[in-house]
Structure formats: C-alpha cells, structure tokens
N, C-alpha and C. Protein backbone atom coordinates (compact mmCIF):
# COMPACT_ATOMS: atom_id res chain seq x y z
N MET A 1 -7.63 34.96 -70.91
CA MET A 1 -8.02 33.76 -70.35
C MET A 1 -7.07 33.11 -69.70
N LYS A 2 -5.64 33.22 -70.24
CA LYS A 2 -4.60 32.44 -69.45
C LYS A 2 -4.39 33.39 -68.13
N LYS A 3 -4.41 34.36 -68.27
CA LYS A 3 -3.87 35.49 -67.16
C LYS A 3 -5.21 35.14 -66.08
N CYS A 4 -6.23 34.97 -66.35
CA CYS A 4 -7.29 34.60 -65.44
C CYS A 4 -7.26 33.27 -64.75
N ILE A 5 -6.90 32.54 -65.70
CA ILE A 5 -6.46 30.97 -64.96
C ILE A 5 -5.30 31.07 -63.96
N LEU A 6 -4.33 31.68 -64.31
CA LEU A 6 -3.01 31.84 -63.52
C LEU A 6 -3.32 32.57 -62.35
N ALA A 7 -4.45 33.63 -62.27
CA ALA A 7 -4.40 34.27 -61.22
C ALA A 7 -5.50 33.74 -60.27
N SER A 8 -6.11 32.89 -60.61
CA SER A 8 -7.18 31.40 -59.99
C SER A 8 -6.44 30.89 -59.47
N VAL A 9 -5.39 30.00 -59.86
CA VAL A 9 -4.67 29.42 -59.36
C VAL A 9 -3.74 30.10 -58.03
N ALA A 10 -3.27 30.96 -58.64
CA ALA A 10 -2.24 31.80 -57.66
C ALA A 10 -3.16 32.22 -56.50
N LEU A 11 -4.07 32.53 -56.30
CA LEU A 11 -5.33 32.88 -55.57
C LEU A 11 -5.85 31.69 -54.54
N LEU A 12 -5.69 30.57 -55.28
CA LEU A 12 -6.18 29.42 -54.54
C LEU A 12 -5.15 28.86 -53.57
N GLY A 13 -3.90 28.85 -54.27
CA GLY A 13 -2.65 28.81 -53.51
C GLY A 13 -2.55 29.41 -52.47
N PHE A 14 -2.77 30.76 -52.44
CA PHE A 14 -2.47 31.65 -51.19
C PHE A 14 -3.52 31.56 -50.11
N ILE A 15 -4.95 30.61 -50.33
CA ILE A 15 -5.96 30.54 -49.62
C ILE A 15 -5.47 29.32 -49.17
N THR A 16 -4.97 28.40 -49.49
CA THR A 16 -4.47 27.04 -48.89
C THR A 16 -3.45 27.27 -47.99
N ILE A 17 -2.52 28.01 -48.24
CA ILE A 17 -1.24 28.20 -47.67
C ILE A 17 -1.80 28.96 -45.94
N GLY A 18 -2.76 29.84 -46.49
CA GLY A 18 -3.16 31.04 -45.40
C GLY A 18 -4.11 30.27 -44.41
N ALA A 19 -4.69 29.02 -44.70
CA ALA A 19 -5.62 28.30 -43.85
C ALA A 19 -5.15 27.40 -42.91
N GLN A 20 -3.80 27.13 -42.93
CA GLN A 20 -3.26 26.45 -41.97
C GLN A 20 -3.03 26.88 -40.52
N GLN A 21 -3.06 26.02 -39.46
CA GLN A 21 -2.89 26.56 -38.25
C GLN A 21 -2.56 25.33 -37.23
N ASN A 22 -1.96 25.79 -36.31
CA ASN A 22 -1.40 24.82 -35.49
C ASN A 22 -1.80 24.41 -33.95
N VAL A 23 -1.84 23.43 -33.47
CA VAL A 23 -2.56 23.05 -32.16
C VAL A 23 -1.56 22.25 -31.58
N THR A 24 -1.29 22.82 -30.37
CA THR A 24 -0.52 22.16 -29.52
C THR A 24 -1.21 20.97 -28.48
N LEU A 25 -0.70 19.99 -28.47
CA LEU A 25 -1.83 18.84 -28.00
C LEU A 25 -0.50 18.53 -26.68
N ASN A 26 -1.16 18.60 -25.57
CA ASN A 26 -0.52 17.87 -24.37
C ASN A 26 -1.10 16.47 -23.64
N VAL A 27 -0.54 15.87 -23.68
CA VAL A 27 -0.85 14.75 -22.60
C VAL A 27 -0.49 14.95 -21.24
N ARG A 28 -1.51 15.21 -20.50
CA ARG A 28 -0.93 15.51 -19.12
C ARG A 28 -1.20 14.45 -17.91
N LEU A 29 -0.36 14.05 -17.19
CA LEU A 29 -0.50 12.71 -16.55
C LEU A 29 -0.44 13.08 -15.17
N LYS A 30 -1.29 12.74 -14.42
CA LYS A 30 -1.30 13.01 -12.93
C LYS A 30 -1.27 11.85 -12.20
N PRO A 31 -0.32 11.85 -11.05
CA PRO A 31 -0.20 10.66 -10.21
C PRO A 31 -1.45 10.07 -9.40
N ILE A 32 -1.48 8.95 -9.69
CA ILE A 32 -2.77 8.38 -8.75
C ILE A 32 -2.24 7.08 -8.25
N GLN A 33 -2.68 7.15 -7.05
CA GLN A 33 -2.25 5.66 -5.96
C GLN A 33 -3.36 5.82 -5.32
N THR A 34 -3.78 4.35 -5.14
CA THR A 34 -4.90 3.86 -4.47
C THR A 34 -4.27 2.73 -3.70
N LEU A 35 -5.16 2.56 -2.50
CA LEU A 35 -4.67 1.32 -1.61
C LEU A 35 -5.98 1.02 -1.04
N VAL A 36 -6.33 -0.36 -0.96
CA VAL A 36 -7.48 -1.21 -0.36
C VAL A 36 -7.18 -2.13 0.41
N VAL A 37 -7.48 -2.31 1.54
CA VAL A 37 -7.36 -3.30 2.49
C VAL A 37 -8.63 -4.23 1.85
N ASN A 38 -8.09 -5.54 2.03
CA ASN A 38 -9.36 -6.43 1.81
C ASN A 38 -10.30 -6.41 2.68
N ASN A 39 -11.52 -6.36 2.27
CA ASN A 39 -12.56 -6.21 3.50
C ASN A 39 -12.84 -7.47 4.23
N SER A 40 -12.74 -8.38 3.93
CA SER A 40 -12.85 -9.57 4.64
C SER A 40 -11.28 -9.74 5.66
N GLN A 41 -10.41 -9.09 5.70
CA GLN A 41 -9.32 -8.80 6.55
C GLN A 41 -9.37 -7.62 7.29
N LYS A 42 -10.21 -6.73 7.42
CA LYS A 42 -10.10 -5.63 8.23
C LYS A 42 -9.46 -5.66 9.95
N ILE A 43 -10.18 -7.01 10.18
CA ILE A 43 -9.57 -7.10 11.81
C ILE A 43 -8.83 -8.53 11.72
N VAL A 44 -7.59 -8.06 12.28
CA VAL A 44 -6.42 -9.41 12.40
C VAL A 44 -6.33 -9.40 13.63
N ASN A 45 -6.39 -11.11 13.90
CA ASN A 45 -6.30 -11.60 15.33
C ASN A 45 -5.07 -12.31 15.64
N LEU A 46 -4.31 -12.02 16.47
CA LEU A 46 -3.08 -12.71 16.89
C LEU A 46 -3.77 -13.72 18.45
N ASP A 47 -3.82 -14.99 18.05
CA ASP A 47 -4.47 -15.56 19.25
C ASP A 47 -3.50 -16.56 19.66
N TYR A 48 -3.37 -16.23 20.94
CA TYR A 48 -2.26 -17.19 21.77
C TYR A 48 -3.18 -18.24 22.62
N VAL A 49 -3.32 -19.10 22.07
CA VAL A 49 -4.05 -20.53 22.83
C VAL A 49 -3.46 -21.11 23.52
N THR A 50 -2.18 -21.65 22.92
CA THR A 50 -1.46 -22.91 23.69
C THR A 50 -0.07 -22.18 24.24
N LYS A 51 0.41 -23.10 24.74
CA LYS A 51 1.89 -23.07 25.79
C LYS A 51 2.79 -22.58 24.60
N ASP A 52 2.86 -23.37 23.63
CA ASP A 52 3.62 -23.06 22.43
C ASP A 52 3.49 -21.84 21.71
N ASP A 53 2.17 -21.30 21.76
CA ASP A 53 2.00 -19.84 21.05
C ASP A 53 2.60 -18.83 22.04
N TYR A 54 2.65 -19.01 23.30
CA TYR A 54 3.36 -18.41 24.09
C TYR A 54 4.89 -18.06 23.94
N ALA A 55 5.48 -19.54 23.74
CA ALA A 55 6.77 -19.87 23.66
C ALA A 55 7.49 -19.01 22.37
N ASN A 56 6.42 -19.66 21.03
CA ASN A 56 6.92 -19.10 19.69
C ASN A 56 6.43 -18.00 19.04
N GLY A 57 5.50 -17.55 19.80
CA GLY A 57 4.70 -16.29 19.04
C GLY A 57 4.10 -17.06 17.87
N VAL A 58 2.62 -16.18 17.82
CA VAL A 58 1.80 -16.54 16.55
C VAL A 58 1.93 -15.39 15.57
N SER A 59 1.51 -15.99 14.33
CA SER A 59 1.31 -14.89 13.10
C SER A 59 0.14 -15.24 12.28
N SER A 60 -0.28 -14.19 11.54
CA SER A 60 -1.40 -14.51 10.77
C SER A 60 -1.06 -13.94 9.33
N LEU A 61 -1.00 -14.67 8.42
CA LEU A 61 -1.01 -14.49 6.95
C LEU A 61 -2.04 -14.29 6.48
N ASN A 62 -2.01 -12.71 6.14
CA ASN A 62 -3.23 -12.34 5.26
C ASN A 62 -2.92 -12.43 3.81
N ALA A 63 -3.37 -13.35 3.02
CA ALA A 63 -2.97 -13.40 1.42
C ALA A 63 -3.72 -12.25 0.91
N ASP A 64 -3.05 -11.38 0.00
CA ASP A 64 -3.92 -10.64 -0.82
C ASP A 64 -4.48 -9.46 0.14
N HIS A 65 -3.75 -9.18 1.01
CA HIS A 65 -4.47 -8.35 2.09
C HIS A 65 -4.43 -6.94 1.48
N LEU A 66 -3.80 -6.23 0.58
CA LEU A 66 -3.75 -4.81 -0.04
C LEU A 66 -3.70 -4.90 -1.61
N THR A 67 -4.70 -4.27 -1.74
CA THR A 67 -4.87 -4.18 -3.38
C THR A 67 -4.25 -2.58 -3.83
N ILE A 68 -3.36 -2.47 -4.72
CA ILE A 68 -2.84 -1.07 -5.03
C ILE A 68 -2.91 -0.94 -6.38
N PHE A 69 -3.18 0.35 -6.68
CA PHE A 69 -2.92 1.16 -8.20
C PHE A 69 -1.94 2.48 -8.18
N SER A 70 -1.06 2.33 -9.03
CA SER A 70 -0.30 3.25 -9.13
C SER A 70 0.28 3.45 -10.34
N THR A 71 0.12 4.95 -10.82
CA THR A 71 0.87 5.50 -12.09
C THR A 71 2.18 5.33 -12.54
N GLY A 72 2.91 5.23 -11.29
CA GLY A 72 4.19 4.98 -11.36
C GLY A 72 4.68 4.12 -10.05
N GLY A 73 6.12 4.30 -9.89
CA GLY A 73 6.88 3.76 -8.71
C GLY A 73 6.04 4.43 -7.54
N PHE A 74 6.37 3.79 -6.24
CA PHE A 74 5.51 3.98 -5.06
C PHE A 74 5.98 3.49 -3.81
N GLN A 75 5.93 3.64 -3.01
CA GLN A 75 5.96 3.15 -1.51
C GLN A 75 4.94 2.80 -0.66
N VAL A 76 4.52 1.86 -0.09
CA VAL A 76 3.58 1.16 0.90
C VAL A 76 4.16 1.59 2.30
N LYS A 77 3.40 1.96 3.35
CA LYS A 77 4.02 2.32 4.61
C LYS A 77 2.64 1.87 5.35
N VAL A 78 3.36 1.44 6.49
CA VAL A 78 2.55 1.03 7.60
C VAL A 78 2.61 2.07 8.99
N LYS A 79 1.58 2.40 9.90
CA LYS A 79 2.11 2.70 11.30
C LYS A 79 1.10 2.55 12.30
N SER A 80 1.42 2.34 13.38
CA SER A 80 0.39 2.13 14.24
C SER A 80 -0.15 3.35 14.94
N ALA A 81 -1.19 3.50 15.38
CA ALA A 81 -1.75 4.90 16.04
C ALA A 81 -1.29 4.63 17.70
N ASN A 82 -0.79 3.68 18.10
CA ASN A 82 -0.14 3.69 19.65
C ASN A 82 1.21 3.16 19.65
N ALA A 83 2.01 3.63 20.45
CA ALA A 83 3.27 2.87 20.82
C ALA A 83 2.94 1.89 21.76
N VAL A 84 1.80 1.96 22.52
CA VAL A 84 1.54 0.85 23.49
C VAL A 84 0.11 0.22 23.24
N LEU A 85 -0.05 -0.72 23.21
CA LEU A 85 -1.62 -1.41 23.16
C LEU A 85 -2.06 -1.66 24.91
N GLN A 86 -2.78 -1.01 25.09
CA GLN A 86 -3.32 -1.14 26.45
C GLN A 86 -4.75 -1.69 26.82
N ASN A 87 -4.79 -2.38 27.88
CA ASN A 87 -5.70 -3.02 28.60
C ASN A 87 -6.02 -2.91 30.27
N GLY A 88 -6.64 -1.89 30.60
CA GLY A 88 -6.35 -1.96 31.94
C GLY A 88 -5.03 -1.30 32.50
N GLY A 89 -4.38 -1.73 33.27
CA GLY A 89 -3.02 -1.17 33.80
C GLY A 89 -2.07 -2.04 33.05
N LYS A 90 -2.32 -2.85 32.30
CA LYS A 90 -1.28 -3.63 31.36
C LYS A 90 -1.20 -3.13 30.08
N ASN A 91 0.12 -3.39 29.55
CA ASN A 91 0.32 -2.89 28.16
C ASN A 91 1.02 -3.90 27.32
N ILE A 92 1.25 -4.06 25.86
CA ILE A 92 1.94 -4.58 25.34
C ILE A 92 2.37 -3.52 24.35
N GLN A 93 3.86 -3.51 24.19
CA GLN A 93 4.36 -2.65 23.28
C GLN A 93 4.23 -3.02 21.86
N ALA A 94 4.20 -1.88 21.19
CA ALA A 94 3.61 -2.16 19.71
C ALA A 94 4.94 -2.58 18.92
N ASN A 95 6.00 -2.32 19.32
CA ASN A 95 7.35 -2.56 18.45
C ASN A 95 7.32 -4.27 18.90
N THR A 96 6.67 -5.03 19.75
CA THR A 96 7.00 -6.48 19.82
C THR A 96 6.01 -7.28 18.51
N ILE A 97 5.38 -6.59 17.81
CA ILE A 97 4.79 -7.17 16.77
C ILE A 97 5.69 -6.96 15.35
N GLN A 98 5.77 -7.68 14.30
CA GLN A 98 6.47 -7.52 13.18
C GLN A 98 5.33 -7.80 12.22
N LEU A 99 5.55 -6.97 10.92
CA LEU A 99 5.07 -7.25 9.80
C LEU A 99 5.95 -7.79 8.67
N LYS A 100 5.54 -8.66 7.93
CA LYS A 100 6.10 -9.02 6.85
C LYS A 100 5.15 -9.05 5.60
N ALA A 101 5.64 -8.48 4.87
CA ALA A 101 5.08 -7.98 3.27
C ALA A 101 5.77 -9.18 2.22
N SER A 102 5.01 -9.45 1.12
CA SER A 102 5.25 -10.66 0.34
C SER A 102 4.33 -10.15 -0.96
N ALA A 103 4.63 -10.92 -1.87
CA ALA A 103 4.22 -10.77 -3.49
C ALA A 103 2.83 -11.38 -3.21
N GLY A 104 1.43 -10.74 -3.45
CA GLY A 104 0.09 -11.35 -3.62
C GLY A 104 0.04 -12.13 -5.16
N THR A 105 -1.13 -12.76 -5.21
CA THR A 105 -1.44 -13.50 -6.13
C THR A 105 -1.14 -12.75 -7.78
N ASP A 106 -1.24 -11.46 -7.96
CA ASP A 106 -0.95 -10.75 -8.78
C ASP A 106 -0.05 -9.46 -8.43
N ALA A 107 1.58 -10.02 -8.33
CA ALA A 107 2.36 -9.14 -7.88
C ALA A 107 2.96 -8.04 -8.48
N VAL A 108 3.48 -7.10 -8.07
CA VAL A 108 4.35 -5.88 -8.71
C VAL A 108 5.31 -6.27 -9.47
N ASN A 109 5.65 -6.23 -10.42
CA ASN A 109 6.82 -6.74 -10.95
C ASN A 109 8.24 -6.01 -10.51
N GLY A 110 9.26 -6.48 -9.80
CA GLY A 110 10.21 -6.02 -9.48
C GLY A 110 10.15 -5.42 -8.03
N ALA A 111 9.06 -5.59 -7.32
CA ALA A 111 9.05 -4.62 -6.17
C ALA A 111 10.04 -5.29 -4.89
N GLN A 112 10.17 -4.60 -4.23
CA GLN A 112 11.08 -4.91 -2.93
C GLN A 112 10.05 -5.04 -1.46
N TYR A 113 10.28 -6.00 -1.04
CA TYR A 113 9.22 -6.48 0.13
C TYR A 113 9.93 -6.51 1.63
N ALA A 114 9.70 -5.57 2.70
CA ALA A 114 10.17 -5.77 3.92
C ALA A 114 9.92 -7.14 4.44
N GLN A 115 10.80 -7.31 5.21
CA GLN A 115 10.81 -8.82 5.98
C GLN A 115 10.89 -8.54 7.15
N GLY A 116 9.91 -8.64 8.18
CA GLY A 116 10.23 -8.44 9.58
C GLY A 116 10.17 -6.91 9.86
N ALA A 117 9.40 -6.14 9.40
CA ALA A 117 9.37 -4.77 9.71
C ALA A 117 8.72 -4.64 11.20
N THR A 118 9.26 -3.88 12.03
CA THR A 118 8.83 -3.83 13.24
C THR A 118 7.51 -2.42 13.29
N LEU A 119 6.55 -2.63 14.08
CA LEU A 119 5.20 -1.56 14.31
C LEU A 119 5.84 -0.76 14.86
N SER A 120 5.26 0.54 14.42
CA SER A 120 5.73 1.65 15.13
C SER A 120 4.77 2.61 14.92
N THR A 121 4.59 3.92 15.64
CA THR A 121 4.09 4.77 15.64
C THR A 121 4.56 5.71 14.35
N ASN A 122 5.89 5.48 14.10
CA ASN A 122 6.31 6.03 12.80
C ASN A 122 6.05 5.39 11.59
N GLU A 123 6.00 5.89 10.38
CA GLU A 123 5.48 4.84 9.12
C GLU A 123 7.02 4.21 8.96
N THR A 124 6.71 3.04 8.71
CA THR A 124 7.58 1.94 7.96
C THR A 124 7.30 1.73 7.00
N THR A 125 8.32 1.48 6.01
CA THR A 125 8.37 0.89 4.80
C THR A 125 7.97 -0.51 4.39
N LEU A 126 6.92 -0.85 3.74
CA LEU A 126 6.83 -2.21 3.43
C LEU A 126 7.06 -2.75 2.12
N VAL A 127 6.74 -1.77 1.21
CA VAL A 127 6.82 -2.26 0.09
C VAL A 127 7.54 -0.99 -1.00
N THR A 128 8.56 -1.29 -1.95
CA THR A 128 9.01 -0.42 -2.81
C THR A 128 9.00 -0.95 -4.15
N SER A 129 8.29 0.23 -5.19
CA SER A 129 8.44 -0.40 -6.67
C SER A 129 9.07 0.82 -7.39
N THR A 130 9.70 0.56 -8.57
CA THR A 130 9.73 2.02 -8.95
C THR A 130 8.89 1.90 -10.24
N VAL A 131 7.91 0.84 -10.45
CA VAL A 131 7.08 0.74 -11.44
C VAL A 131 5.73 0.83 -10.78
N GLY A 132 4.76 1.13 -11.40
CA GLY A 132 3.39 1.15 -11.20
C GLY A 132 2.91 -0.35 -11.54
N GLY A 133 1.37 -0.01 -11.46
CA GLY A 133 0.36 -1.10 -11.42
C GLY A 133 -0.87 -1.10 -11.47
N VAL A 134 -1.69 -2.05 -11.96
CA VAL A 134 -3.09 -1.96 -11.82
C VAL A 134 -3.55 -3.17 -11.02
N ASP A 135 -4.30 -3.04 -9.95
CA ASP A 135 -4.89 -4.02 -9.24
C ASP A 135 -3.69 -4.99 -8.65
N LYS A 136 -2.83 -4.68 -8.24
CA LYS A 136 -1.68 -5.38 -7.91
C LYS A 136 -1.97 -6.00 -6.28
N LYS A 137 -1.45 -7.28 -5.97
CA LYS A 137 -1.78 -7.52 -4.63
C LYS A 137 -0.64 -7.85 -3.66
N ILE A 138 -0.51 -7.72 -2.55
CA ILE A 138 0.32 -7.50 -1.51
C ILE A 138 -0.22 -8.37 -0.31
N SER A 139 0.61 -9.34 0.18
CA SER A 139 0.24 -10.22 1.38
C SER A 139 0.88 -9.44 2.52
N ILE A 140 0.41 -9.72 3.79
CA ILE A 140 1.03 -9.13 4.74
C ILE A 140 0.99 -10.20 5.90
N GLU A 141 2.00 -10.66 6.41
CA GLU A 141 1.95 -11.49 7.63
C GLU A 141 2.09 -10.82 8.93
N TYR A 142 1.23 -10.96 9.69
CA TYR A 142 1.63 -10.41 11.15
C TYR A 142 2.19 -11.34 12.31
N LYS A 143 3.38 -10.80 12.99
CA LYS A 143 3.53 -11.93 13.88
C LYS A 143 3.82 -11.14 15.27
N GLY A 144 3.26 -11.80 16.16
CA GLY A 144 3.50 -11.37 17.47
C GLY A 144 4.39 -12.18 18.37
N ALA A 145 4.93 -11.41 19.61
CA ALA A 145 6.22 -12.08 20.27
C ALA A 145 6.15 -13.62 20.55
N GLY A 146 7.29 -14.02 20.90
CA GLY A 146 7.15 -15.37 21.45
C GLY A 146 8.27 -15.15 22.83
N ALA A 147 9.10 -16.06 23.06
CA ALA A 147 9.78 -16.14 24.18
C ALA A 147 9.06 -15.84 25.55
N ASN A 148 7.56 -16.11 25.85
CA ASN A 148 6.85 -15.68 26.83
C ASN A 148 6.68 -14.40 27.19
N ALA A 149 6.65 -13.26 25.99
CA ALA A 149 6.75 -12.11 26.27
C ALA A 149 5.27 -11.26 26.68
N TYR A 150 4.17 -11.93 26.36
CA TYR A 150 3.10 -11.52 26.89
C TYR A 150 2.49 -12.42 28.04
N LEU A 151 3.22 -13.35 28.46
CA LEU A 151 2.46 -14.24 29.54
C LEU A 151 1.87 -13.73 30.68
N ASP A 152 2.49 -12.53 31.13
CA ASP A 152 1.91 -11.76 32.40
C ASP A 152 0.70 -10.82 31.78
N ASN A 153 0.62 -10.78 30.62
CA ASN A 153 -0.73 -9.83 30.03
C ASN A 153 -2.09 -10.08 30.08
N TYR A 154 -2.36 -11.50 30.55
CA TYR A 154 -4.01 -12.01 30.74
C TYR A 154 -4.31 -11.27 31.69
N ILE A 155 -5.46 -10.86 31.72
CA ILE A 155 -6.20 -10.22 32.90
C ILE A 155 -7.51 -11.21 33.33
N ALA A 156 -7.59 -11.66 34.41
CA ALA A 156 -8.50 -12.64 35.05
C ALA A 156 -9.79 -12.19 34.64
N GLY A 157 -10.70 -13.02 34.36
CA GLY A 157 -12.27 -12.75 34.21
C GLY A 157 -12.18 -12.26 32.44
N GLN A 158 -11.37 -12.21 31.65
CA GLN A 158 -11.47 -11.29 30.63
C GLN A 158 -11.20 -12.76 29.69
N ASP A 159 -11.95 -13.31 28.69
CA ASP A 159 -12.15 -14.24 27.86
C ASP A 159 -12.24 -13.94 26.14
N PRO A 160 -11.44 -13.42 25.63
CA PRO A 160 -9.98 -13.42 26.03
C PRO A 160 -9.59 -11.61 26.51
N THR A 161 -8.40 -11.69 26.96
CA THR A 161 -8.08 -10.48 27.20
C THR A 161 -7.63 -9.62 25.57
N VAL A 162 -7.64 -8.47 25.07
CA VAL A 162 -7.78 -7.87 24.09
C VAL A 162 -6.71 -6.73 24.06
N TYR A 163 -5.81 -6.66 23.28
CA TYR A 163 -5.20 -5.47 23.13
C TYR A 163 -5.13 -4.97 21.71
N THR A 164 -5.36 -3.73 21.66
CA THR A 164 -5.87 -3.14 20.32
C THR A 164 -5.07 -2.10 19.46
N THR A 165 -4.74 -1.99 18.24
CA THR A 165 -4.01 -0.70 18.07
C THR A 165 -4.63 -0.81 16.16
N GLU A 166 -4.86 0.28 16.08
CA GLU A 166 -5.45 1.06 14.55
C GLU A 166 -4.10 1.07 13.61
N LEU A 167 -3.96 0.39 12.78
CA LEU A 167 -2.87 0.65 11.69
C LEU A 167 -3.38 1.43 10.57
N THR A 168 -2.61 2.12 9.99
CA THR A 168 -2.74 2.92 9.02
C THR A 168 -1.94 2.55 7.92
N TYR A 169 -2.20 2.28 6.64
CA TYR A 169 -1.51 2.10 5.52
C TYR A 169 -1.50 2.97 4.68
N THR A 170 -0.33 3.27 3.90
CA THR A 170 -0.25 4.56 3.23
C THR A 170 0.30 4.35 1.83
N ILE A 171 -0.15 4.71 0.75
CA ILE A 171 0.85 4.73 -0.58
C ILE A 171 1.27 6.07 -0.88
N ILE A 172 2.08 6.07 -1.39
CA ILE A 172 2.82 7.36 -2.00
C ILE A 172 3.76 7.03 -3.12
N ALA A 173 3.88 7.98 -4.06
CA ALA A 173 4.35 8.13 -5.27
C ALA A 173 5.88 8.04 -4.99
N GLN A 174 6.44 7.44 -5.73
CA GLN A 174 8.27 7.44 -5.58
C GLN A 174 8.52 8.19 -6.86
C-alpha cells in the first residue's frame, strides 16, 4: 500500500511539473500624433482698417487654436502653400507674416514655443516637446507687417482687397 501511495504522489508530482507552459506578453506601443485646428478658427483675418494698422501691423491671437494628442515627444510645424499671396497683378510676400506660438489653456508641460516664426513654403517649427500629452492646447498669434509694407496693395473697387494662402500644420514624433 505504501508503494501505491508513493507511486501516486510521484506520478502527480510529475504531472504538475509537466503542465507548466510559458507565455511571452508584449506591450507594443505605436506612435500616435493628432493635430486639430479649432473649427471656429479655420479662417484667420488680418484686417488693416486704420492708418495705425498700416504703420504698426495687425495681429490676430487665436487662443487654443490647435489641439494635439501625442504618445511621446513631438514637433508642430507650419508651412504656407505659396511664397507670394497674389491678387491680380499685386502680391504680398508670405515671409512678411509672422506666427507666435504659446501655451493654451491646457498646456504641454515643458514645451518650447517659437516666438516670431516667419511664414514660408518650407516647414517652420512652432512647438517642440520631449513629452506627449492628451488634448493639449496651443495658441497661435498671426502678425502682419507694419511700416506701411502693404500700403500699395489695395486695389480700387475691391472692399476689402484680399490676399490668401493656405497654411498646413503638421505634427511629427520626436
């Protein structure tokens, strides 16, 4: 009987040991970056209305203009579709317009913001961050030239004379 019990215990011991299996668990993180322009701010106007506007330039501050989601560090860049904004035979150089990025109401911790980036057909970096964030806000101020730079760009019979370009914002992993 002792032999039978010992044989049963030995057999159960081997079965228990033989039933183990290993599984490898991988947590696989893919980079995700999204950038959304505030829907109510998809058109930005720089209105020159007074003599002082032409002399000093005008600006439009768009609070919480961009909302970003990023799984890690990122850069936000902007570029203009055109180097020259045209209307008839007249034009305005895109590089006479500056953009200033700043923290929005829900800021990215430790981000660096460009102050006075010049609009160009080449991508210009506005925001750099080594950390990600969820639904973080970025404010953008657009500033048109002063010093009467656009004085001769009004076209008689147009009220107002409008010069337009499309801007493209991009977010990339860093």
